[in-house]
Amino acid sequence: MKKLALAAVIGSVIAAAPAQAAVMWDFNFTDVNTGFNDVTEGAARQGALQTAGDYVSSFLTSYTATIYMDVDGSTSGGGTLAAAGTNFTNATYSAGFTQRGDVMTKILGGDAADPGVGVADGTVTWNFTDFDWELGSDFQAGEFDFFSTAVHELLHAIGFASEITETGNDGYGTTPGDAGAWAPFDEFLTSFDGTSIINPADNSLLAGTWDLARLSGDGDGTSGCGAGLQFNGANAVAANGGSAVQIYSPTIWESGSSGSHLDDNCYTNPGNVSTYMMEAQTIDGLGVRTISALEVGMMRDIGYTNFGVQANNTVPEPGTIYLMLGALLGLFGLKRQNSKVA
């Protein structure tokens, strides 16, 4: 069956690329004379994306792989800042939490496990047309944080994403109630009372539970923090003080955001300032630039058991790097960081 899956969406150069990092990012910039290949800004933008990739790699020092990503910075329209996701080359149906995607498969299994030799493992798209971006730390009015957004999207690409569609489909057209093929992330999704969305006995989706939880309507029927989807992996719960992690599940389904982010209703501070990297929203100005212990726990739960082990996770300061690379590029309001539908 053909898979129609959701692919979810600073020091010195030495500090930005820890020597022990064994997962390397090879970005293929496909835009022409624009975006990441803009005559004036392109080199700095490419360097900024590599810096974000190196930061993510600093949590993956126990793994060895080269991840090839096709990158297009010519996206415009739709209100989306950026998106990234894994490809599912040669993916086949297999019931359970089997749908890792090419990026996760290669990181966990090494280059020899590449599902599609000679083709990209995933994609990154970026909207430089409709939004202004700060590559370093000298924010001007209306500029969004490139580093924060890039790390957010690359975490989607390596597996921080659900494969459950709005209707409860697994991407293969499996009828809710029948055994499905799901992402590792989906194993830990529950309703407010800890009921698994995917029945562990037969890998089927519990349609009634899903229909309520995905729209923040379970429990007593009210919406808001604690009423919708939760993530109940053991490592994440331990990092969260013994409580389940709240997952973004607004009362109106948002494709690419619902089910694949931390819940803004629970974790966003006054002024729309995020607490965690993987919340669904961001605003202009300085964003979250560190992967938290909670997010580390979630990544370990989904299969990266050594995520963050023996890592140099110092967030590099981008200003010095980009001044060496070239001139810094110089919309107010709330925008959502959406995963790509692929």
C-alpha atoms as a PDB file:
ATOM      1  CA  MET A   1       0.000   0.000   0.000  1.00  0.00           C
ATOM      2  CA  LYS A   2       1.205   3.500  -0.723  1.00  0.00           C
ATOM      3  CA  LYS A   3       2.017   5.487   2.370  1.00  0.00           C
ATOM      4  CA  LEU A   4       0.421   8.921   2.762  1.00  0.00           C
ATOM      5  CA  ALA A   5       2.120   9.832   6.000  1.00  0.00           C
ATOM      6  CA  LEU A   6       2.558  12.993   8.031  1.00  0.00           C
ATOM      7  CA  ALA A   7       6.205  14.033   8.139  1.00  0.00           C
ATOM      8  CA  ALA A   8       6.313  16.389  10.743  1.00  0.00           C
ATOM      9  CA  VAL A   9       7.983  20.477  10.380  1.00  0.00           C
ATOM     10  CA  ILE A  10      24.858  29.576  18.624  1.00  0.00           C
ATOM     11  CA  GLY A  11      30.840  30.854  20.346  1.00  0.00           C
ATOM     12  CA  SER A  12      32.759  29.668  17.516  1.00  0.00           C
ATOM     13  CA  VAL A  13      32.463  27.238  14.657  1.00  0.00           C
ATOM     14  CA  ILE A  14      34.222  24.635  16.779  1.00  0.00           C
ATOM     15  CA  ALA A  15      31.728  25.074  19.623  1.00  0.00           C
ATOM     16  CA  ALA A  16      28.865  24.713  17.185  1.00  0.00           C
ATOM     17  CA  ALA A  17      30.097  21.360  15.893  1.00  0.00           C
ATOM     18  CA  PRO A  18      31.227  19.164  18.799  1.00  0.00           C
ATOM     19  CA  ALA A  19      34.019  16.838  17.729  1.00  0.00           C
ATOM     20  CA  GLN A  20      32.266  13.777  19.141  1.00  0.00           C
ATOM     21  CA  ALA A  21      29.058  14.308  17.135  1.00  0.00           C
ATOM     22  CA  ALA A  22      28.739  11.349  14.805  1.00  0.00           C
ATOM     23  CA  VAL A  23      25.441  12.254  13.138  1.00  0.00           C
ATOM     24  CA  MET A  24      26.250  14.642  10.327  1.00  0.00           C
ATOM     25  CA  TRP A  25      23.842  16.744   8.273  1.00  0.00           C
ATOM     26  CA  ASP A  26      24.421  17.149   4.537  1.00  0.00           C
ATOM     27  CA  PHE A  27      22.115  19.912   3.313  1.00  0.00           C
ATOM     28  CA  ASN A  28      21.414  20.139  -0.413  1.00  0.00           C
ATOM     29  CA  PHE A  29      20.204  23.682  -1.080  1.00  0.00           C
ATOM     30  CA  THR A  30      17.925  23.488  -4.090  1.00  0.00           C
ATOM     31  CA  ASP A  31      16.634  27.059  -4.375  1.00  0.00           C
ATOM     32  CA  VAL A  32      18.061  29.203  -7.184  1.00  0.00           C
ATOM     33  CA  ASN A  33      19.302  32.762  -6.505  1.00  0.00           C
ATOM     34  CA  THR A  34      16.898  33.067  -3.579  1.00  0.00           C
ATOM     35  CA  GLY A  35      16.423  31.771  -0.051  1.00  0.00           C
ATOM     36  CA  PHE A  36      19.462  29.770   1.004  1.00  0.00           C
ATOM     37  CA  ASN A  37      21.157  30.644  -2.288  1.00  0.00           C
ATOM     38  CA  ASP A  38      20.401  34.346  -2.172  1.00  0.00           C
ATOM     39  CA  VAL A  39      23.382  36.293  -3.516  1.00  0.00           C
ATOM     40  CA  THR A  40      23.660  38.467  -0.398  1.00  0.00           C
ATOM     41  CA  GLU A  41      22.252  36.388   2.449  1.00  0.00           C
ATOM     42  CA  GLY A  42      22.581  32.823   1.220  1.00  0.00           C
ATOM     43  CA  ALA A  43      25.958  31.898   2.737  1.00  0.00           C
ATOM     44  CA  ALA A  44      24.962  33.166   6.178  1.00  0.00           C
ATOM     45  CA  ARG A  45      21.630  31.347   6.021  1.00  0.00           C
ATOM     46  CA  GLN A  46      23.324  28.096   5.036  1.00  0.00           C
ATOM     47  CA  GLY A  47      25.755  28.491   7.926  1.00  0.00           C
ATOM     48  CA  ALA A  48      22.896  29.166  10.310  1.00  0.00           C
ATOM     49  CA  LEU A  49      21.113  25.963   9.322  1.00  0.00           C
ATOM     50  CA  GLN A  50      24.324  23.970   9.711  1.00  0.00           C
ATOM     51  CA  THR A  51      24.788  25.441  13.193  1.00  0.00           C
ATOM     52  CA  ALA A  52      21.298  24.300  14.176  1.00  0.00           C
ATOM     53  CA  GLY A  53      21.999  20.859  12.750  1.00  0.00           C
ATOM     54  CA  ASP A  54      25.240  20.634  14.723  1.00  0.00           C
ATOM     55  CA  TYR A  55      23.367  21.479  17.910  1.00  0.00           C
ATOM     56  CA  VAL A  56      20.882  18.665  17.303  1.00  0.00           C
ATOM     57  CA  SER A  57      23.798  16.339  16.513  1.00  0.00           C
ATOM     58  CA  SER A  58      25.361  17.166  19.883  1.00  0.00           C
ATOM     59  CA  PHE A  59      22.522  15.120  21.428  1.00  0.00           C
ATOM     60  CA  LEU A  60      23.195  12.200  19.058  1.00  0.00           C
ATOM     61  CA  THR A  61      26.847  11.473  19.779  1.00  0.00           C
ATOM     62  CA  SER A  62      26.128   7.775  20.376  1.00  0.00           C
ATOM     63  CA  TYR A  63      24.950   7.302  16.779  1.00  0.00           C
ATOM     64  CA  THR A  64      26.738   7.346  13.418  1.00  0.00           C
ATOM     65  CA  ALA A  65      25.049   8.421  10.194  1.00  0.00           C
ATOM     66  CA  THR A  66      25.045  11.074   7.502  1.00  0.00           C
ATOM     67  CA  ILE A  67      21.596  12.557   6.966  1.00  0.00           C
ATOM     68  CA  TYR A  68      20.907  14.058   3.553  1.00  0.00           C
ATOM     69  CA  MET A  69      18.255  16.772   3.455  1.00  0.00           C
ATOM     70  CA  ASP A  70      16.899  18.633   0.425  1.00  0.00           C
ATOM     71  CA  VAL A  71      16.442  22.267   1.453  1.00  0.00           C
ATOM     72  CA  ASP A  72      14.253  24.856  -0.296  1.00  0.00           C
ATOM     73  CA  GLY A  73      14.152  28.424   0.958  1.00  0.00           C
ATOM     74  CA  SER A  74      11.766  29.744  -1.682  1.00  0.00           C
ATOM     75  CA  THR A  75       8.524  28.887   0.139  1.00  0.00           C
ATOM     76  CA  SER A  76       5.949  31.640   0.491  1.00  0.00           C
ATOM     77  CA  GLY A  77       2.335  32.079   1.541  1.00  0.00           C
ATOM     78  CA  GLY A  78       0.201  30.133   3.970  1.00  0.00           C
ATOM     79  CA  GLY A  79       1.520  31.684   7.166  1.00  0.00           C
ATOM     80  CA  THR A  80       4.037  28.880   7.754  1.00  0.00           C
ATOM     81  CA  LEU A  81       7.487  29.882   8.976  1.00  0.00           C
ATOM     82  CA  ALA A  82       9.321  26.691   8.092  1.00  0.00           C
ATOM     83  CA  ALA A  83       8.847  22.940   7.912  1.00  0.00           C
ATOM     84  CA  ALA A  84      10.964  19.812   7.975  1.00  0.00           C
ATOM     85  CA  GLY A  85      10.208  16.142   7.819  1.00  0.00           C
ATOM     86  CA  THR A  86      11.502  12.715   7.019  1.00  0.00           C
ATOM     87  CA  ASN A  87      10.930  10.842   3.784  1.00  0.00           C
ATOM     88  CA  PHE A  88       9.451   7.344   3.820  1.00  0.00           C
ATOM     89  CA  THR A  89      11.321   5.748   0.926  1.00  0.00           C
ATOM     90  CA  ASN A  90      10.162   2.215   0.208  1.00  0.00           C
ATOM     91  CA  ALA A  91       8.011   2.248   3.359  1.00  0.00           C
ATOM     92  CA  THR A  92       5.691  -0.731   3.640  1.00  0.00           C
ATOM     93  CA  TYR A  93       2.814  -1.509   5.931  1.00  0.00           C
ATOM     94  CA  SER A  94       3.738  -3.296   9.145  1.00  0.00           C
ATOM     95  CA  ALA A  95       1.387  -3.184  12.110  1.00  0.00           C
ATOM     96  CA  GLY A  96       2.734  -1.518  15.233  1.00  0.00           C
ATOM     97  CA  PHE A  97       4.968   1.471  15.830  1.00  0.00           C
ATOM     98  CA  THR A  98       7.092   0.741  12.810  1.00  0.00           C
ATOM     99  CA  GLN A  99       6.995   3.954  10.778  1.00  0.00           C
ATOM    100  CA  ARG A 100      10.305   5.548  11.736  1.00  0.00           C
ATOM    101  CA  GLY A 101      10.958   7.234   8.417  1.00  0.00           C
ATOM    102  CA  ASP A 102      14.287   7.404   6.620  1.00  0.00           C
ATOM    103  CA  VAL A 103      15.987   9.867   8.993  1.00  0.00           C
ATOM    104  CA  MET A 104      15.301   7.933  12.184  1.00  0.00           C
ATOM    105  CA  THR A 105      16.009   4.614  10.502  1.00  0.00           C
ATOM    106  CA  LYS A 106      19.479   5.795   9.436  1.00  0.00           C
ATOM    107  CA  ILE A 107      20.354   7.395  12.770  1.00  0.00           C
ATOM    108  CA  LEU A 108      19.450   4.262  14.727  1.00  0.00           C
ATOM    109  CA  GLY A 109      20.802   1.764  12.196  1.00  0.00           C
ATOM    110  CA  GLY A 110      23.650   3.685  10.606  1.00  0.00           C
ATOM    111  CA  ASP A 111      24.220   4.435   6.941  1.00  0.00           C
ATOM    112  CA  ALA A 112      23.923   0.748   6.084  1.00  0.00           C
ATOM    113  CA  ALA A 113      20.245   0.928   7.067  1.00  0.00           C
ATOM    114  CA  ASP A 114      19.500   3.637   4.496  1.00  0.00           C
ATOM    115  CA  PRO A 115      16.051   2.831   3.019  1.00  0.00           C
ATOM    116  CA  GLY A 116      16.774   4.872  -0.115  1.00  0.00           C
ATOM    117  CA  VAL A 117      20.412   4.998  -1.150  1.00  0.00           C
ATOM    118  CA  GLY A 118      21.073   7.960  -3.425  1.00  0.00           C
ATOM    119  CA  VAL A 119      17.968   9.922  -2.484  1.00  0.00           C
ATOM    120  CA  ALA A 120      17.373  12.482   0.235  1.00  0.00           C
ATOM    121  CA  ASP A 121      16.397  11.263   3.701  1.00  0.00           C
ATOM    122  CA  GLY A 122      14.172  14.261   4.346  1.00  0.00           C
ATOM    123  CA  THR A 123      13.262  17.807   3.430  1.00  0.00           C
ATOM    124  CA  VAL A 124      13.422  21.321   4.858  1.00  0.00           C
ATOM    125  CA  THR A 125      11.399  24.247   3.525  1.00  0.00           C
ATOM    126  CA  TRP A 126      11.760  27.858   4.657  1.00  0.00           C
ATOM    127  CA  ASN A 127       9.758  31.025   4.176  1.00  0.00           C
ATOM    128  CA  PHE A 128      12.131  33.959   3.702  1.00  0.00           C
ATOM    129  CA  THR A 129       9.560  35.793   1.568  1.00  0.00           C
ATOM    130  CA  ASP A 130       6.857  36.553   4.107  1.00  0.00           C
ATOM    131  CA  PHE A 131       8.916  36.709   7.307  1.00  0.00           C
ATOM    132  CA  ASP A 132      12.043  38.482   8.526  1.00  0.00           C
ATOM    133  CA  TRP A 133      14.681  36.347  10.253  1.00  0.00           C
ATOM    134  CA  GLU A 134      17.456  37.035  12.755  1.00  0.00           C
ATOM    135  CA  LEU A 135      20.366  34.641  12.270  1.00  0.00           C
ATOM    136  CA  GLY A 136      22.172  35.807  15.399  1.00  0.00           C
ATOM    137  CA  SER A 137      21.006  37.649  18.517  1.00  0.00           C
ATOM    138  CA  ASP A 138      20.543  41.246  17.362  1.00  0.00           C
ATOM    139  CA  PHE A 139      16.772  41.151  16.972  1.00  0.00           C
ATOM    140  CA  GLN A 140      14.919  43.970  15.282  1.00  0.00           C
ATOM    141  CA  ALA A 141      11.163  44.455  15.404  1.00  0.00           C
ATOM    142  CA  GLY A 142       9.321  41.619  13.694  1.00  0.00           C
ATOM    143  CA  GLU A 143      12.298  39.288  13.211  1.00  0.00           C
ATOM    144  CA  PHE A 144      11.911  35.595  14.042  1.00  0.00           C
ATOM    145  CA  ASP A 145      14.594  33.414  15.623  1.00  0.00           C
ATOM    146  CA  PHE A 146      16.203  31.300  12.889  1.00  0.00           C
ATOM    147  CA  PHE A 147      18.149  29.017  15.232  1.00  0.00           C
ATOM    148  CA  SER A 148      15.184  28.191  17.452  1.00  0.00           C
ATOM    149  CA  THR A 149      12.951  27.477  14.473  1.00  0.00           C
ATOM    150  CA  ALA A 150      15.566  25.351  12.715  1.00  0.00           C
ATOM    151  CA  VAL A 151      16.215  23.155  15.757  1.00  0.00           C
ATOM    152  CA  HIS A 152      12.455  22.765  16.241  1.00  0.00           C
ATOM    153  CA  GLU A 153      11.995  21.584  12.664  1.00  0.00           C
ATOM    154  CA  LEU A 154      14.970  19.225  12.665  1.00  0.00           C
ATOM    155  CA  LEU A 155      13.590  17.545  15.797  1.00  0.00           C
ATOM    156  CA  HIS A 156      10.408  16.878  13.817  1.00  0.00           C
ATOM    157  CA  ALA A 157      12.509  15.348  11.068  1.00  0.00           C
ATOM    158  CA  ILE A 158      14.237  12.920  13.437  1.00  0.00           C
ATOM    159  CA  GLY A 159      10.966  11.685  14.911  1.00  0.00           C
ATOM    160  CA  PHE A 160       9.181  14.179  17.148  1.00  0.00           C
ATOM    161  CA  ALA A 161       5.902  13.775  15.257  1.00  0.00           C
ATOM    162  CA  SER A 162       2.711  11.756  15.239  1.00  0.00           C
ATOM    163  CA  GLU A 163       1.542   9.776  12.220  1.00  0.00           C
ATOM    164  CA  ILE A 164      -2.154   9.828  13.197  1.00  0.00           C
ATOM    165  CA  THR A 165      -4.269  11.857  10.789  1.00  0.00           C
ATOM    166  CA  GLU A 166      -7.296  13.913  11.795  1.00  0.00           C
ATOM    167  CA  THR A 167      -9.638  11.037  10.982  1.00  0.00           C
ATOM    168  CA  GLY A 168      -7.560   8.494  12.893  1.00  0.00           C
ATOM    169  CA  ASN A 169      -5.972   7.012   9.794  1.00  0.00           C
ATOM    170  CA  ASP A 170      -2.413   5.689   9.930  1.00  0.00           C
ATOM    171  CA  GLY A 171      -1.412   7.021   6.498  1.00  0.00           C
ATOM    172  CA  TYR A 172      -2.058   3.732   4.709  1.00  0.00           C
ATOM    173  CA  GLY A 173      -5.824   4.100   4.666  1.00  0.00           C
ATOM    174  CA  THR A 174      -6.316   1.652   7.511  1.00  0.00           C
ATOM    175  CA  THR A 175      -9.816   1.881   8.976  1.00  0.00           C
ATOM    176  CA  PRO A 176      -9.793   3.075  12.607  1.00  0.00           C
ATOM    177  CA  GLY A 177     -10.380  -0.009  14.700  1.00  0.00           C
ATOM    178  CA  ASP A 178      -8.144  -2.193  12.560  1.00  0.00           C
ATOM    179  CA  ALA A 179      -4.450  -2.762  13.219  1.00  0.00           C
ATOM    180  CA  GLY A 180      -2.420   0.200  11.979  1.00  0.00           C
ATOM    181  CA  ALA A 181       1.172   1.169  11.246  1.00  0.00           C
ATOM    182  CA  TRP A 182       2.141   4.094  13.452  1.00  0.00           C
ATOM    183  CA  ALA A 183       5.111   6.292  14.330  1.00  0.00           C
ATOM    184  CA  PRO A 184       7.142   5.524  17.478  1.00  0.00           C
ATOM    185  CA  PHE A 185       5.789   8.812  18.910  1.00  0.00           C
ATOM    186  CA  ASP A 186       2.235   7.443  18.729  1.00  0.00           C
ATOM    187  CA  GLU A 187       2.943   4.619  21.155  1.00  0.00           C
ATOM    188  CA  PHE A 188       2.921   7.110  24.019  1.00  0.00           C
ATOM    189  CA  LEU A 189      -0.107   9.228  23.110  1.00  0.00           C
ATOM    190  CA  THR A 190      -2.963   8.913  25.598  1.00  0.00           C
ATOM    191  CA  SER A 191      -6.135  10.662  26.633  1.00  0.00           C
ATOM    192  CA  PHE A 192      -6.394  12.704  29.840  1.00  0.00           C
ATOM    193  CA  ASP A 193      -6.870   9.556  31.968  1.00  0.00           C
ATOM    194  CA  GLY A 194      -3.916   7.648  30.545  1.00  0.00           C
ATOM    195  CA  THR A 195      -5.898   5.548  28.063  1.00  0.00           C
ATOM    196  CA  SER A 196      -3.628   4.771  25.103  1.00  0.00           C
ATOM    197  CA  ILE A 197      -4.841   6.152  21.789  1.00  0.00           C
ATOM    198  CA  ILE A 198      -3.418   3.059  20.093  1.00  0.00           C
ATOM    199  CA  ASN A 199      -4.648  -0.176  21.665  1.00  0.00           C
ATOM    200  CA  PRO A 200      -1.456  -2.024  22.730  1.00  0.00           C
ATOM    201  CA  ALA A 201      -3.236  -5.369  22.366  1.00  0.00           C
ATOM    202  CA  ASP A 202      -3.801  -5.165  18.617  1.00  0.00           C
ATOM    203  CA  ASN A 203      -2.289  -1.841  17.382  1.00  0.00           C
ATOM    204  CA  SER A 204      -5.709  -0.451  16.508  1.00  0.00           C
ATOM    205  CA  LEU A 205      -6.747   3.137  17.101  1.00  0.00           C
ATOM    206  CA  LEU A 206      -9.436   3.626  19.740  1.00  0.00           C
ATOM    207  CA  ALA A 207     -11.651   5.853  17.620  1.00  0.00           C
ATOM    208  CA  GLY A 208     -13.887   7.174  20.387  1.00  0.00           C
ATOM    209  CA  THR A 209     -10.957   8.081  22.616  1.00  0.00           C
ATOM    210  CA  TRP A 210      -9.115   9.702  19.710  1.00  0.00           C
ATOM    211  CA  ASP A 211     -12.093  11.761  18.558  1.00  0.00           C
ATOM    212  CA  LEU A 212     -12.413  13.346  21.989  1.00  0.00           C
ATOM    213  CA  ALA A 213      -8.754  13.741  22.903  1.00  0.00           C
ATOM    214  CA  ARG A 214      -7.603  15.181  19.564  1.00  0.00           C
ATOM    215  CA  LEU A 215      -9.929  18.184  20.050  1.00  0.00           C
ATOM    216  CA  SER A 216      -9.350  18.778  23.783  1.00  0.00           C
ATOM    217  CA  GLY A 217     -12.783  17.395  24.542  1.00  0.00           C
ATOM    218  CA  ASP A 218     -12.255  14.394  26.802  1.00  0.00           C
ATOM    219  CA  GLY A 219     -12.628  14.270  30.552  1.00  0.00           C
ATOM    220  CA  ASP A 220     -15.540  16.449  31.523  1.00  0.00           C
ATOM    221  CA  GLY A 221     -15.981  17.767  27.985  1.00  0.00           C
ATOM    222  CA  THR A 222     -14.160  21.040  28.574  1.00  0.00           C
ATOM    223  CA  SER A 223     -11.193  22.232  26.570  1.00  0.00           C
ATOM    224  CA  GLY A 224      -7.860  23.616  27.676  1.00  0.00           C
ATOM    225  CA  CYS A 225      -4.755  22.379  29.448  1.00  0.00           C
ATOM    226  CA  GLY A 226      -5.098  18.772  30.557  1.00  0.00           C
ATOM    227  CA  ALA A 227      -8.227  18.010  28.520  1.00  0.00           C
ATOM    228  CA  GLY A 228      -6.650  16.742  25.320  1.00  0.00           C
ATOM    229  CA  LEU A 229      -3.825  14.469  24.214  1.00  0.00           C
ATOM    230  CA  GLN A 230      -0.953  13.565  26.504  1.00  0.00           C
ATOM    231  CA  PHE A 231       2.438  11.877  26.120  1.00  0.00           C
ATOM    232  CA  ASN A 232       3.021   9.183  28.735  1.00  0.00           C
ATOM    233  CA  GLY A 233       6.494   7.837  28.010  1.00  0.00           C
ATOM    234  CA  ALA A 234       8.358   6.862  31.165  1.00  0.00           C
ATOM    235  CA  ASN A 235      11.381   9.095  30.543  1.00  0.00           C
ATOM    236  CA  ALA A 236       9.247  12.108  29.699  1.00  0.00           C
ATOM    237  CA  VAL A 237       7.004  11.624  32.718  1.00  0.00           C
ATOM    238  CA  ALA A 238      10.042  11.343  35.003  1.00  0.00           C
ATOM    239  CA  ALA A 239      11.500  14.547  33.547  1.00  0.00           C
ATOM    240  CA  ASN A 240       8.118  16.237  34.027  1.00  0.00           C
ATOM    241  CA  GLY A 241       7.983  15.570  37.746  1.00  0.00           C
ATOM    242  CA  GLY A 242       5.834  12.461  37.459  1.00  0.00           C
ATOM    243  CA  SER A 243       3.117  14.027  35.323  1.00  0.00           C
ATOM    244  CA  ALA A 244       2.125  13.270  31.753  1.00  0.00           C
ATOM    245  CA  VAL A 245       3.258  15.749  29.113  1.00  0.00           C
ATOM    246  CA  GLN A 246       0.475  17.788  27.523  1.00  0.00           C
ATOM    247  CA  ILE A 247       0.270  17.581  23.729  1.00  0.00           C
ATOM    248  CA  TYR A 248      -1.146  20.297  21.481  1.00  0.00           C
ATOM    249  CA  SER A 249      -4.737  19.370  20.655  1.00  0.00           C
ATOM    250  CA  PRO A 250      -6.809  22.522  20.000  1.00  0.00           C
ATOM    251  CA  THR A 251     -10.568  22.435  19.554  1.00  0.00           C
ATOM    252  CA  ILE A 252     -10.117  22.844  15.791  1.00  0.00           C
ATOM    253  CA  TRP A 253      -7.699  20.396  14.167  1.00  0.00           C
ATOM    254  CA  GLU A 254      -4.548  22.032  12.781  1.00  0.00           C
ATOM    255  CA  SER A 255      -2.860  19.809  10.226  1.00  0.00           C
ATOM    256  CA  GLY A 256       0.844  19.480  10.969  1.00  0.00           C
ATOM    257  CA  SER A 257       0.497  20.982  14.443  1.00  0.00           C
ATOM    258  CA  SER A 258      -2.164  18.984  16.288  1.00  0.00           C
ATOM    259  CA  GLY A 259      -0.744  15.930  18.008  1.00  0.00           C
ATOM    260  CA  SER A 260       2.895  16.681  17.188  1.00  0.00           C
ATOM    261  CA  HIS A 261       3.805  19.509  19.577  1.00  0.00           C
ATOM    262  CA  LEU A 262       3.784  20.405  23.242  1.00  0.00           C
ATOM    263  CA  ASP A 263       0.613  22.214  24.253  1.00  0.00           C
ATOM    264  CA  ASP A 264       0.735  26.015  24.163  1.00  0.00           C
ATOM    265  CA  ASN A 265      -2.265  26.139  26.486  1.00  0.00           C
ATOM    266  CA  CYS A 266      -0.163  24.556  29.221  1.00  0.00           C
ATOM    267  CA  TYR A 267       3.370  25.743  28.622  1.00  0.00           C
ATOM    268  CA  THR A 268       3.250  29.188  27.017  1.00  0.00           C
ATOM    269  CA  ASN A 269       3.900  32.038  29.456  1.00  0.00           C
ATOM    270  CA  PRO A 270       2.186  35.443  29.505  1.00  0.00           C
ATOM    271  CA  GLY A 271       3.017  37.428  26.400  1.00  0.00           C
ATOM    272  CA  ASN A 272       2.996  34.280  24.251  1.00  0.00           C
ATOM    273  CA  VAL A 273       6.520  33.393  25.347  1.00  0.00           C
ATOM    274  CA  SER A 274       7.221  29.677  24.971  1.00  0.00           C
ATOM    275  CA  THR A 275       8.704  27.498  27.695  1.00  0.00           C
ATOM    276  CA  TYR A 276       9.808  24.627  25.449  1.00  0.00           C
ATOM    277  CA  MET A 277      11.416  24.256  22.026  1.00  0.00           C
ATOM    278  CA  MET A 278       8.677  21.953  20.750  1.00  0.00           C
ATOM    279  CA  GLU A 279       5.589  24.020  21.491  1.00  0.00           C
ATOM    280  CA  ALA A 280       3.331  24.639  18.520  1.00  0.00           C
ATOM    281  CA  GLN A 281       3.765  28.389  18.443  1.00  0.00           C
ATOM    282  CA  THR A 282       6.486  30.969  18.350  1.00  0.00           C
ATOM    283  CA  ILE A 283       6.499  34.749  18.249  1.00  0.00           C
ATOM    284  CA  ASP A 284       8.935  37.229  16.793  1.00  0.00           C
ATOM    285  CA  GLY A 285      12.024  37.881  18.875  1.00  0.00           C
ATOM    286  CA  LEU A 286      14.281  35.528  20.794  1.00  0.00           C
ATOM    287  CA  GLY A 287      12.859  32.012  20.893  1.00  0.00           C
ATOM    288  CA  VAL A 288      13.676  28.958  22.991  1.00  0.00           C
ATOM    289  CA  ARG A 289      17.216  27.870  22.101  1.00  0.00           C
ATOM    290  CA  THR A 290      17.756  24.822  24.284  1.00  0.00           C
ATOM    291  CA  ILE A 291      16.369  21.307  24.135  1.00  0.00           C
ATOM    292  CA  SER A 292      14.971  20.697  27.620  1.00  0.00           C
ATOM    293  CA  ALA A 293      15.227  17.641  29.842  1.00  0.00           C
ATOM    294  CA  LEU A 294      11.550  16.990  29.141  1.00  0.00           C
ATOM    295  CA  GLU A 295      12.169  16.899  25.392  1.00  0.00           C
ATOM    296  CA  VAL A 296      15.254  14.748  25.906  1.00  0.00           C
ATOM    297  CA  GLY A 297      13.044  12.303  27.802  1.00  0.00           C
ATOM    298  CA  MET A 298      10.525  12.216  24.958  1.00  0.00           C
ATOM    299  CA  MET A 299      13.238  11.499  22.400  1.00  0.00           C
ATOM    300  CA  ARG A 300      14.554   8.652  24.543  1.00  0.00           C
ATOM    301  CA  ASP A 301      11.055   7.220  24.834  1.00  0.00           C
ATOM    302  CA  ILE A 302      10.527   7.088  21.077  1.00  0.00           C
ATOM    303  CA  GLY A 303      13.713   5.102  20.534  1.00  0.00           C
ATOM    304  CA  TYR A 304      16.778   7.324  20.905  1.00  0.00           C
ATOM    305  CA  THR A 305      17.784   5.706  24.195  1.00  0.00           C
ATOM    306  CA  ASN A 306      21.139   7.520  24.224  1.00  0.00           C
ATOM    307  CA  PHE A 307      19.772  10.927  23.232  1.00  0.00           C
ATOM    308  CA  GLY A 308      21.797  13.513  25.127  1.00  0.00           C
ATOM    309  CA  VAL A 309      24.220  10.983  26.611  1.00  0.00           C
ATOM    310  CA  GLN A 310      27.826  12.262  26.816  1.00  0.00           C
ATOM    311  CA  ALA A 311      26.809  15.279  24.799  1.00  0.00           C
ATOM    312  CA  ASN A 312      28.232  18.773  24.648  1.00  0.00           C
ATOM    313  CA  ASN A 313      24.904  20.543  24.465  1.00  0.00           C
ATOM    314  CA  THR A 314      26.084  24.122  24.924  1.00  0.00           C
ATOM    315  CA  VAL A 315      24.014  26.385  22.730  1.00  0.00           C
ATOM    316  CA  PRO A 316      26.417  28.246  20.435  1.00  0.00           C
ATOM    317  CA  GLU A 317      26.124  32.002  20.130  1.00  0.00           C
ATOM    318  CA  PRO A 318      25.546  32.646  16.426  1.00  0.00           C
ATOM    319  CA  GLY A 319      26.700  36.245  16.104  1.00  0.00           C
ATOM    320  CA  THR A 320      30.407  35.522  15.671  1.00  0.00           C
ATOM    321  CA  ILE A 321      29.822  32.813  13.076  1.00  0.00           C
ATOM    322  CA  TYR A 322      27.553  34.868  10.884  1.00  0.00           C
ATOM    323  CA  LEU A 323      29.695  37.977  11.009  1.00  0.00           C
ATOM    324  CA  MET A 324      32.465  35.859   9.537  1.00  0.00           C
ATOM    325  CA  LEU A 325      30.169  34.452   6.878  1.00  0.00           C
ATOM    326  CA  GLY A 326      28.753  37.762   5.715  1.00  0.00           C
ATOM    327  CA  ALA A 327      26.184  40.460   6.355  1.00  0.00           C
ATOM    328  CA  LEU A 328      23.308  39.699   8.702  1.00  0.00           C
ATOM    329  CA  LEU A 329      19.819  39.924   7.271  1.00  0.00           C
ATOM    330  CA  GLY A 330      17.984  42.790   8.529  1.00  0.00           C
ATOM    331  CA  LEU A 331       5.595  40.901  10.904  1.00  0.00           C
ATOM    332  CA  PHE A 332       4.815  41.143  14.163  1.00  0.00           C
ATOM    333  CA  GLY A 333       2.496  38.619  15.770  1.00  0.00           C
ATOM    334  CA  LEU A 334       1.965  35.020  16.628  1.00  0.00           C
ATOM    335  CA  LYS A 335       2.711  32.354  14.031  1.00  0.00           C
ATOM    336  CA  ARG A 336       2.676  28.605  14.315  1.00  0.00           C
ATOM    337  CA  GLN A 337       5.576  26.322  13.479  1.00  0.00           C
ATOM    338  CA  ASN A 338       3.891  23.677  11.349  1.00  0.00           C
ATOM    339  CA  SER A 339       5.226  20.281  10.402  1.00  0.00           C
ATOM    340  CA  LYS A 340       5.157  19.485   6.736  1.00  0.00           C
ATOM    341  CA  VAL A 341       2.548  17.200   5.244  1.00  0.00           C
ATOM    342  CA  ALA A 342       4.379  14.851   2.888  1.00  0.00           C
END
